[in-house]
PDB file of N, CA and C in Angstrom:
ATOM      1  N   UNK A   1     -92.356 -46.200  84.580  1.00  0.00           N
ATOM      2  CA  UNK A   1     -92.387 -44.780  84.368  1.00  0.00           C
ATOM      3  C   UNK A   1     -92.101 -44.025  85.667  1.00  0.00           C
ATOM      4  N   UNK A   2     -92.519 -44.593  86.773  1.00  0.00           N
ATOM      5  CA  UNK A   2     -92.226 -43.957  88.050  1.00  0.00           C
ATOM      6  C   UNK A   2     -90.712 -43.910  88.266  1.00  0.00           C
ATOM      7  N   UNK A   3     -90.039 -45.004  87.945  1.00  0.00           N
ATOM      8  CA  UNK A   3     -88.589 -45.046  88.093  1.00  0.00           C
ATOM      9  C   UNK A   3     -87.929 -44.078  87.115  1.00  0.00           C
ATOM     10  N   UNK A   4     -88.433 -43.985  85.900  1.00  0.00           N
ATOM     11  CA  UNK A   4     -87.874 -43.055  84.921  1.00  0.00           C
ATOM     12  C   UNK A   4     -88.009 -41.612  85.384  1.00  0.00           C
ATOM     13  N   UNK A   5     -89.158 -41.277  85.902  1.00  0.00           N
ATOM     14  CA  UNK A   5     -89.356 -39.909  86.399  1.00  0.00           C
ATOM     15  C   UNK A   5     -88.442 -39.651  87.590  1.00  0.00           C
ATOM     16  N   UNK A   6     -88.389 -40.598  88.498  1.00  0.00           N
ATOM     17  CA  UNK A   6     -87.587 -40.416  89.721  1.00  0.00           C
ATOM     18  C   UNK A   6     -86.097 -40.317  89.406  1.00  0.00           C
ATOM     19  N   UNK A   7     -85.606 -41.150  88.511  1.00  0.00           N
ATOM     20  CA  UNK A   7     -84.166 -41.172  88.261  1.00  0.00           C
ATOM     21  C   UNK A   7     -83.705 -40.117  87.265  1.00  0.00           C
ATOM     22  N   UNK A   8     -84.496 -39.816  86.259  1.00  0.00           N
ATOM     23  CA  UNK A   8     -84.022 -38.926  85.201  1.00  0.00           C
ATOM     24  C   UNK A   8     -84.576 -37.507  85.268  1.00  0.00           C
ATOM     25  N   UNK A   9     -85.771 -37.344  85.801  1.00  0.00           N
ATOM     26  CA  UNK A   9     -86.418 -36.037  85.709  1.00  0.00           C
ATOM     27  C   UNK A   9     -86.769 -35.404  87.045  1.00  0.00           C
ATOM     28  N   UNK A  10     -86.443 -36.062  88.152  1.00  0.00           N
ATOM     29  CA  UNK A  10     -86.862 -35.560  89.448  1.00  0.00           C
ATOM     30  C   UNK A  10     -86.298 -34.176  89.760  1.00  0.00           C
ATOM     31  N   UNK A  11     -85.111 -33.885  89.251  1.00  0.00           N
ATOM     32  CA  UNK A  11     -84.495 -32.579  89.499  1.00  0.00           C
ATOM     33  C   UNK A  11     -85.264 -31.453  88.808  1.00  0.00           C
ATOM     34  N   UNK A  12     -85.995 -31.782  87.752  1.00  0.00           N
ATOM     35  CA  UNK A  12     -86.755 -30.786  87.004  1.00  0.00           C
ATOM     36  C   UNK A  12     -88.130 -30.498  87.613  1.00  0.00           C
ATOM     37  N   UNK A  13     -88.574 -31.335  88.548  1.00  0.00           N
ATOM     38  CA  UNK A  13     -89.910 -31.187  89.136  1.00  0.00           C
ATOM     39  C   UNK A  13     -89.879 -30.070  90.168  1.00  0.00           C
ATOM     40  N   UNK A  14     -90.659 -29.020  89.919  1.00  0.00           N
ATOM     41  CA  UNK A  14     -90.765 -27.951  90.904  1.00  0.00           C
ATOM     42  C   UNK A  14     -92.213 -27.723  91.333  1.00  0.00           C
ATOM     43  N   UNK A  15     -93.147 -28.391  90.636  1.00  0.00           N
ATOM     44  CA  UNK A  15     -94.553 -28.282  91.014  1.00  0.00           C
ATOM     45  C   UNK A  15     -95.313 -29.483  90.457  1.00  0.00           C
ATOM     46  N   UNK A  16     -96.532 -29.627  90.900  1.00  0.00           N
ATOM     47  CA  UNK A  16     -97.383 -30.710  90.396  1.00  0.00           C
ATOM     48  C   UNK A  16     -97.657 -30.524  88.905  1.00  0.00           C
ATOM     49  N   UNK A  17     -97.779 -29.298  88.479  1.00  0.00           N
ATOM     50  CA  UNK A  17     -98.016 -29.007  87.060  1.00  0.00           C
ATOM     51  C   UNK A  17     -96.864 -29.487  86.195  1.00  0.00           C
ATOM     52  N   UNK A  18     -95.655 -29.307  86.656  1.00  0.00           N
ATOM     53  CA  UNK A  18     -94.489 -29.791  85.919  1.00  0.00           C
ATOM     54  C   UNK A  18     -94.488 -31.313  85.856  1.00  0.00           C
ATOM     55  N   UNK A  19     -94.787 -31.950  86.980  1.00  0.00           N
ATOM     56  CA  UNK A  19     -94.829 -33.412  87.028  1.00  0.00           C
ATOM     57  C   UNK A  19     -95.875 -33.962  86.069  1.00  0.00           C
ATOM     58  N   UNK A  20     -97.054 -33.363  86.068  1.00  0.00           N
ATOM     59  CA  UNK A  20     -98.129 -33.839  85.193  1.00  0.00           C
ATOM     60  C   UNK A  20     -97.853 -33.531  83.724  1.00  0.00           C
ATOM     61  N   UNK A  21     -96.947 -32.633  83.438  1.00  0.00           N
ATOM     62  CA  UNK A  21     -96.621 -32.279  82.064  1.00  0.00           C
ATOM     63  C   UNK A  21     -95.629 -33.208  81.395  1.00  0.00           C
ATOM     64  N   UNK A  22     -94.978 -34.075  82.154  1.00  0.00           N
ATOM     65  CA  UNK A  22     -94.001 -34.998  81.571  1.00  0.00           C
ATOM     66  C   UNK A  22     -94.700 -36.059  80.730  1.00  0.00           C
ATOM     67  N   UNK A  23     -94.057 -36.440  79.630  1.00  0.00           N
ATOM     68  CA  UNK A  23     -94.585 -37.525  78.793  1.00  0.00           C
ATOM     69  C   UNK A  23     -94.646 -38.831  79.577  1.00  0.00           C
ATOM     70  N   UNK A  24     -93.658 -39.052  80.434  1.00  0.00           N
ATOM     71  CA  UNK A  24     -93.620 -40.282  81.216  1.00  0.00           C
ATOM     72  C   UNK A  24     -94.851 -40.409  82.121  1.00  0.00           C
ATOM     73  N   UNK A  25     -95.313 -39.300  82.649  1.00  0.00           N
ATOM     74  CA  UNK A  25     -96.508 -39.344  83.490  1.00  0.00           C
ATOM     75  C   UNK A  25     -97.738 -39.686  82.653  1.00  0.00           C
ATOM     76  N   UNK A  26     -97.789 -39.187  81.426  1.00  0.00           N
ATOM     77  CA  UNK A  26     -98.903 -39.534  80.533  1.00  0.00           C
ATOM     78  C   UNK A  26     -98.879 -41.011  80.183  1.00  0.00           C
ATOM     79  N   UNK A  27     -97.682 -41.566  79.946  1.00  0.00           N
ATOM     80  CA  UNK A  27     -97.563 -42.999  79.670  1.00  0.00           C
ATOM     81  C   UNK A  27     -98.023 -43.817  80.873  1.00  0.00           C
ATOM     82  N   UNK A  28     -97.663 -43.362  82.069  1.00  0.00           N
ATOM     83  CA  UNK A  28     -98.079 -44.046  83.282  1.00  0.00           C
ATOM     84  C   UNK A  28     -99.601 -44.035  83.412  1.00  0.00           C
ATOM     85  N   UNK A  29    -100.221 -42.902  83.154  1.00  0.00           N
ATOM     86  CA  UNK A  29    -101.681 -42.805  83.237  1.00  0.00           C
ATOM     87  C   UNK A  29    -102.347 -43.706  82.196  1.00  0.00           C
ATOM     88  N   UNK A  30    -101.802 -43.755  80.989  1.00  0.00           N
ATOM     89  CA  UNK A  30    -102.356 -44.623  79.944  1.00  0.00           C
ATOM     90  C   UNK A  30    -102.226 -46.090  80.323  1.00  0.00           C
ATOM     91  N   UNK A  31    -101.075 -46.477  80.861  1.00  0.00           N
ATOM     92  CA  UNK A  31    -100.882 -47.863  81.285  1.00  0.00           C
ATOM     93  C   UNK A  31    -101.865 -48.246  82.382  1.00  0.00           C
ATOM     94  N   UNK A  32    -102.037 -47.360  83.363  1.00  0.00           N
ATOM     95  CA  UNK A  32    -102.978 -47.659  84.440  1.00  0.00           C
ATOM     96  C   UNK A  32    -104.401 -47.792  83.916  1.00  0.00           C
ATOM     97  N   UNK A  33    -104.780 -46.936  82.980  1.00  0.00           N
ATOM     98  CA  UNK A  33    -106.112 -47.031  82.393  1.00  0.00           C
ATOM     99  C   UNK A  33    -106.282 -48.364  81.653  1.00  0.00           C
ATOM    100  N   UNK A  34    -105.280 -48.771  80.874  1.00  0.00           N
ATOM    101  CA  UNK A  34    -105.368 -50.049  80.170  1.00  0.00           C
ATOM    102  C   UNK A  34    -105.411 -51.224  81.136  1.00  0.00           C
ATOM    103  N   UNK A  35    -104.660 -51.134  82.217  1.00  0.00           N
ATOM    104  CA  UNK A  35    -104.645 -52.217  83.198  1.00  0.00           C
ATOM    105  C   UNK A  35    -105.999 -52.365  83.886  1.00  0.00           C
ATOM    106  N   UNK A  36    -106.686 -51.263  84.096  1.00  0.00           N
ATOM    107  CA  UNK A  36    -107.979 -51.307  84.793  1.00  0.00           C
ATOM    108  C   UNK A  36    -109.132 -51.578  83.828  1.00  0.00           C
ATOM    109  N   UNK A  37    -109.182 -50.850  82.731  1.00  0.00           N
ATOM    110  CA  UNK A  37    -110.324 -50.932  81.823  1.00  0.00           C
ATOM    111  C   UNK A  37    -110.153 -51.980  80.734  1.00  0.00           C
ATOM    112  N   UNK A  38    -108.935 -52.316  80.377  1.00  0.00           N
ATOM    113  CA  UNK A  38    -108.688 -53.240  79.285  1.00  0.00           C
ATOM    114  C   UNK A  38    -108.830 -52.545  77.946  1.00  0.00           C
ATOM    115  N   UNK A  39    -108.360 -53.163  76.884  1.00  0.00           N
ATOM    116  CA  UNK A  39    -108.376 -52.518  75.580  1.00  0.00           C
ATOM    117  C   UNK A  39    -109.749 -52.485  74.924  1.00  0.00           C
ATOM    118  N   UNK A  40    -110.628 -53.432  75.252  1.00  0.00           N
ATOM    119  CA  UNK A  40    -111.981 -53.435  74.700  1.00  0.00           C
ATOM    120  C   UNK A  40    -112.004 -53.615  73.195  1.00  0.00           C
ATOM    121  N   UNK A  41    -112.854 -52.850  72.530  1.00  0.00           N
ATOM    122  CA  UNK A  41    -113.040 -53.010  71.084  1.00  0.00           C
ATOM    123  C   UNK A  41    -111.873 -52.449  70.293  1.00  0.00           C
ATOM    124  N   UNK A  42    -110.951 -51.753  70.917  1.00  0.00           N
ATOM    125  CA  UNK A  42    -109.795 -51.223  70.206  1.00  0.00           C
ATOM    126  C   UNK A  42    -108.661 -52.227  70.100  1.00  0.00           C
ATOM    127  N   UNK A  43    -108.803 -53.402  70.707  1.00  0.00           N
ATOM    128  CA  UNK A  43    -107.718 -54.372  70.721  1.00  0.00           C
ATOM    129  C   UNK A  43    -107.647 -55.148  69.406  1.00  0.00           C
ATOM    130  N   UNK A  44    -106.461 -55.609  69.096  1.00  0.00           N
ATOM    131  CA  UNK A  44    -106.255 -56.445  67.914  1.00  0.00           C
ATOM    132  C   UNK A  44    -106.973 -57.783  68.104  1.00  0.00           C
ATOM    133  N   UNK A  45    -106.968 -58.306  69.325  1.00  0.00           N
ATOM    134  CA  UNK A  45    -107.667 -59.566  69.604  1.00  0.00           C
ATOM    135  C   UNK A  45    -109.143 -59.472  69.263  1.00  0.00           C
ATOM    136  N   UNK A  46    -109.759 -58.378  69.639  1.00  0.00           N
ATOM    137  CA  UNK A  46    -111.179 -58.184  69.344  1.00  0.00           C
ATOM    138  C   UNK A  46    -111.419 -58.134  67.836  1.00  0.00           C
ATOM    139  N   UNK A  47    -110.572 -57.429  67.132  1.00  0.00           N
ATOM    140  CA  UNK A  47    -110.717 -57.330  65.678  1.00  0.00           C
ATOM    141  C   UNK A  47    -110.528 -58.693  65.019  1.00  0.00           C
ATOM    142  N   UNK A  48    -109.511 -59.443  65.443  1.00  0.00           N
ATOM    143  CA  UNK A  48    -109.270 -60.767  64.868  1.00  0.00           C
ATOM    144  C   UNK A  48    -110.417 -61.721  65.162  1.00  0.00           C
ATOM    145  N   UNK A  49    -110.962 -61.632  66.351  1.00  0.00           N
ATOM    146  CA  UNK A  49    -112.088 -62.497  66.702  1.00  0.00           C
ATOM    147  C   UNK A  49    -113.301 -62.181  65.835  1.00  0.00           C
ATOM    148  N   UNK A  50    -113.583 -60.912  65.638  1.00  0.00           N
ATOM    149  CA  UNK A  50    -114.706 -60.533  64.777  1.00  0.00           C
ATOM    150  C   UNK A  50    -114.454 -60.962  63.344  1.00  0.00           C
ATOM    151  N   UNK A  51    -113.227 -60.816  62.880  1.00  0.00           N
ATOM    152  CA  UNK A  51    -112.901 -61.087  61.481  1.00  0.00           C
ATOM    153  C   UNK A  51    -112.856 -62.580  61.168  1.00  0.00           C
ATOM    154  N   UNK A  52    -112.235 -63.366  62.070  1.00  0.00           N
ATOM    155  CA  UNK A  52    -111.983 -64.766  61.744  1.00  0.00           C
ATOM    156  C   UNK A  52    -112.624 -65.783  62.687  1.00  0.00           C
ATOM    157  N   UNK A  53    -112.903 -65.390  63.934  1.00  0.00           N
ATOM    158  CA  UNK A  53    -113.223 -66.401  64.924  1.00  0.00           C
ATOM    159  C   UNK A  53    -114.657 -66.562  65.317  1.00  0.00           C
ATOM    160  N   UNK A  54    -115.551 -65.728  64.908  1.00  0.00           N
ATOM    161  CA  UNK A  54    -116.906 -65.844  65.402  1.00  0.00           C
ATOM    162  C   UNK A  54    -116.996 -65.325  66.814  1.00  0.00           C
ATOM    163  N   UNK A  55    -117.872 -65.892  67.606  1.00  0.00           N
ATOM    164  CA  UNK A  55    -118.061 -65.391  68.966  1.00  0.00           C
ATOM    165  C   UNK A  55    -117.331 -66.270  69.970  1.00  0.00           C
ATOM    166  N   UNK A  56    -116.884 -65.664  71.022  1.00  0.00           N
ATOM    167  CA  UNK A  56    -116.210 -66.401  72.089  1.00  0.00           C
ATOM    168  C   UNK A  56    -117.210 -67.252  72.849  1.00  0.00           C
ATOM    169  N   UNK A  57    -118.478 -66.842  72.885  1.00  0.00           N
ATOM    170  CA  UNK A  57    -119.500 -67.603  73.598  1.00  0.00           C
ATOM    171  C   UNK A  57    -119.700 -68.978  72.979  1.00  0.00           C
ATOM    172  N   UNK A  58    -119.691 -69.051  71.660  1.00  0.00           N
ATOM    173  CA  UNK A  58    -119.879 -70.337  70.982  1.00  0.00           C
ATOM    174  C   UNK A  58    -118.708 -71.270  71.270  1.00  0.00           C
ATOM    175  N   UNK A  59    -117.491 -70.745  71.275  1.00  0.00           N
ATOM    176  CA  UNK A  59    -116.331 -71.586  71.569  1.00  0.00           C
ATOM    177  C   UNK A  59    -116.323 -72.028  73.022  1.00  0.00           C
ATOM    178  N   UNK A  60    -116.718 -71.158  73.918  1.00  0.00           N
ATOM    179  CA  UNK A  60    -116.750 -71.518  75.335  1.00  0.00           C
ATOM    180  C   UNK A  60    -117.802 -72.596  75.574  1.00  0.00           C
ATOM    181  N   UNK A  61    -118.940 -72.503  74.923  1.00  0.00           N
ATOM    182  CA  UNK A  61    -119.992 -73.504  75.083  1.00  0.00           C
ATOM    183  C   UNK A  61    -119.547 -74.853  74.544  1.00  0.00           C
ATOM    184  N   UNK A  62    -118.818 -74.874  73.432  1.00  0.00           N
ATOM    185  CA  UNK A  62    -118.374 -76.144  72.868  1.00  0.00           C
ATOM    186  C   UNK A  62    -117.304 -76.793  73.734  1.00  0.00           C
ATOM    187  N   UNK A  63    -116.511 -75.998  74.451  1.00  0.00           N
ATOM    188  CA  UNK A  63    -115.484 -76.575  75.310  1.00  0.00           C
ATOM    189  C   UNK A  63    -116.066 -77.065  76.624  1.00  0.00           C
ATOM    190  N   UNK A  64    -117.302 -76.650  76.969  1.00  0.00           N
ATOM    191  CA  UNK A  64    -117.933 -77.081  78.215  1.00  0.00           C
ATOM    192  C   UNK A  64    -118.802 -78.324  78.035  1.00  0.00           C
ATOM    193  N   UNK A  65    -118.841 -78.882  76.848  1.00  0.00           N
ATOM    194  CA  UNK A  65    -119.665 -80.077  76.643  1.00  0.00           C
ATOM    195  C   UNK A  65    -119.237 -81.195  77.569  1.00  0.00           C
ATOM    196  N   UNK A  66    -120.192 -82.024  77.955  1.00  0.00           N
ATOM    197  CA  UNK A  66    -119.887 -83.148  78.851  1.00  0.00           C
ATOM    198  C   UNK A  66    -118.987 -84.136  78.128  1.00  0.00           C
ATOM    199  N   UNK A  67    -117.972 -84.655  78.812  1.00  0.00           N
ATOM    200  CA  UNK A  67    -117.069 -85.627  78.170  1.00  0.00           C
ATOM    201  C   UNK A  67    -117.784 -86.959  77.939  1.00  0.00           C
ATOM    202  N   UNK A  68    -117.372 -87.654  76.899  1.00  0.00           N
ATOM    203  CA  UNK A  68    -117.934 -88.967  76.595  1.00  0.00           C
ATOM    204  C   UNK A  68    -117.508 -89.964  77.669  1.00  0.00           C
ATOM    205  N   UNK A  69    -118.397 -90.853  78.021  1.00  0.00           N
ATOM    206  CA  UNK A  69    -118.086 -91.867  79.041  1.00  0.00           C
ATOM    207  C   UNK A  69    -117.688 -93.156  78.349  1.00  0.00           C
ATOM    208  N   UNK A  70    -116.618 -93.147  77.608  1.00  0.00           N
ATOM    209  CA  UNK A  70    -116.154 -94.318  76.871  1.00  0.00           C
ATOM    210  C   UNK A  70    -115.525 -95.342  77.808  1.00  0.00           C
ATOM    211  N   UNK A  71    -114.997 -94.913  78.928  1.00  0.00           N
ATOM    212  CA  UNK A  71    -114.342 -95.821  79.844  1.00  0.00           C
ATOM    213  C   UNK A  71    -115.348 -96.618  80.691  1.00  0.00           C
ATOM    214  N   UNK A  72    -116.596 -96.240  80.748  1.00  0.00           N
ATOM    215  CA  UNK A  72    -117.576 -96.905  81.609  1.00  0.00           C
ATOM    216  C   UNK A  72    -118.131 -98.133  81.015  1.00  0.00           C
TER     217      UNK A  72
END
């Protein structure tokens, strides 16, 4: 979005208010928020896990079980 603003809309920028009014700047702010905060309960992954998968804690615990010592 920074490149889009710089290449396509930079000539239209005459103040900070104009820059903040561009849709591209809003997309940039949304992307940064998602990158920092993550999607949380609004994500499709979260919904699918609740609907079909149970809890991630149970799966993580089952994958941490000690391996069988069949070779010993």
